Amino acid sequence: MVTSTRGVWDVLAGYFERTYDDAVVYGDRESETVLHEGEVRVLANGWVELPTGRLLSPDAVHHVDPVTEA
């Protein structure tokens, strides 16, 4: 029998996490409250990690818009 030292969550988390080099994190539906601009990592559990290591709660973040260059 083969036993992994990594949990199932650790293995699957990579599939659900997203890293954006340039994005805008909004705190409201109308996109008026900007919480952060720049690099972010959206974790599998819904928390948003900033480059400083600070985390934004899923309750505080309404949506994340990646910035696409035309």
Protein backbone atom coordinates (compact mmCIF):
# COMPACT_ATOMS: atom_id res chain seq x y z
CA MET A 1 0.00 0.00 0.00
CA VAL A 2 1.25 3.45 -0.92
CA THR A 3 0.61 6.28 1.51
CA SER A 4 1.12 9.91 0.57
CA THR A 5 2.60 12.40 3.01
CA ARG A 6 0.51 15.12 1.40
CA GLY A 7 -3.18 15.52 2.15
CA VAL A 8 -5.80 15.47 -0.55
CA TRP A 9 -6.45 19.18 0.01
CA ASP A 10 -2.77 19.98 -0.62
CA VAL A 11 -2.84 18.08 -3.89
CA LEU A 12 -6.08 19.63 -5.13
CA ALA A 13 -5.36 23.18 -3.93
CA GLY A 14 -3.05 23.81 -6.88
CA TYR A 15 -5.94 23.26 -9.26
CA PHE A 16 -8.11 25.90 -7.59
CA GLU A 17 -5.56 28.60 -6.77
CA ARG A 18 -4.98 31.44 -9.22
CA THR A 19 -2.13 33.93 -9.39
CA TYR A 20 -2.53 37.21 -11.25
CA ASP A 21 0.41 39.49 -12.05
CA ASP A 22 -1.92 42.44 -12.45
CA ALA A 23 -5.46 42.56 -11.07
CA VAL A 24 -7.87 44.81 -9.24
CA VAL A 25 -9.60 43.52 -6.09
CA TYR A 26 -12.98 45.11 -5.41
CA GLY A 27 -14.99 45.18 -2.21
CA ASP A 28 -18.36 45.97 -3.76
CA ARG A 29 -20.55 45.03 -6.69
CA GLU A 30 -20.40 48.49 -8.28
CA SER A 31 -16.58 48.32 -8.54
CA GLU A 32 -16.24 51.56 -6.58
CA THR A 33 -14.32 50.24 -3.58
CA VAL A 34 -10.83 49.17 -4.65
CA LEU A 35 -9.11 47.05 -2.00
CA HIS A 36 -5.90 46.35 -3.94
CA GLU A 37 -4.30 46.82 -7.35
CA GLY A 38 -1.41 44.71 -8.60
CA GLU A 39 -0.23 41.16 -8.03
CA VAL A 40 -2.55 38.84 -6.08
CA ARG A 41 -3.01 35.16 -5.43
CA VAL A 42 -6.52 33.79 -4.93
CA LEU A 43 -6.31 30.78 -2.65
CA ALA A 44 -8.46 27.68 -2.93
CA ASN A 45 -10.33 28.60 0.26
CA GLY A 46 -11.38 31.99 -1.19
CA TRP A 47 -8.88 34.18 0.66
CA VAL A 48 -6.86 36.65 -1.42
CA GLU A 49 -3.14 36.86 -0.65
CA LEU A 50 -1.30 40.11 -1.35
CA PRO A 51 2.44 40.28 -2.16
CA THR A 52 3.11 41.53 1.39
CA GLY A 53 1.67 38.29 2.79
CA ARG A 54 -1.47 40.02 4.02
CA LEU A 55 -4.72 38.12 3.46
CA LEU A 56 -8.08 39.57 2.46
CA SER A 57 -11.13 37.68 3.70
CA PRO A 58 -13.63 36.22 1.22
CA ASP A 59 -16.25 38.25 3.12
CA ALA A 60 -14.42 41.50 2.28
CA VAL A 61 -13.75 40.76 -1.40
CA HIS A 62 -16.61 40.97 -3.89
CA HIS A 63 -14.61 40.11 -7.01
CA VAL A 64 -11.17 40.14 -8.62
CA ASP A 65 -10.75 41.51 -12.13
CA PRO A 66 -7.55 40.52 -13.92
CA VAL A 67 -6.11 43.41 -15.95
CA THR A 68 -5.65 42.42 -19.56
CA GLU A 69 -3.53 44.48 -21.87
CA ALA A 70 -5.03 45.20 -25.26
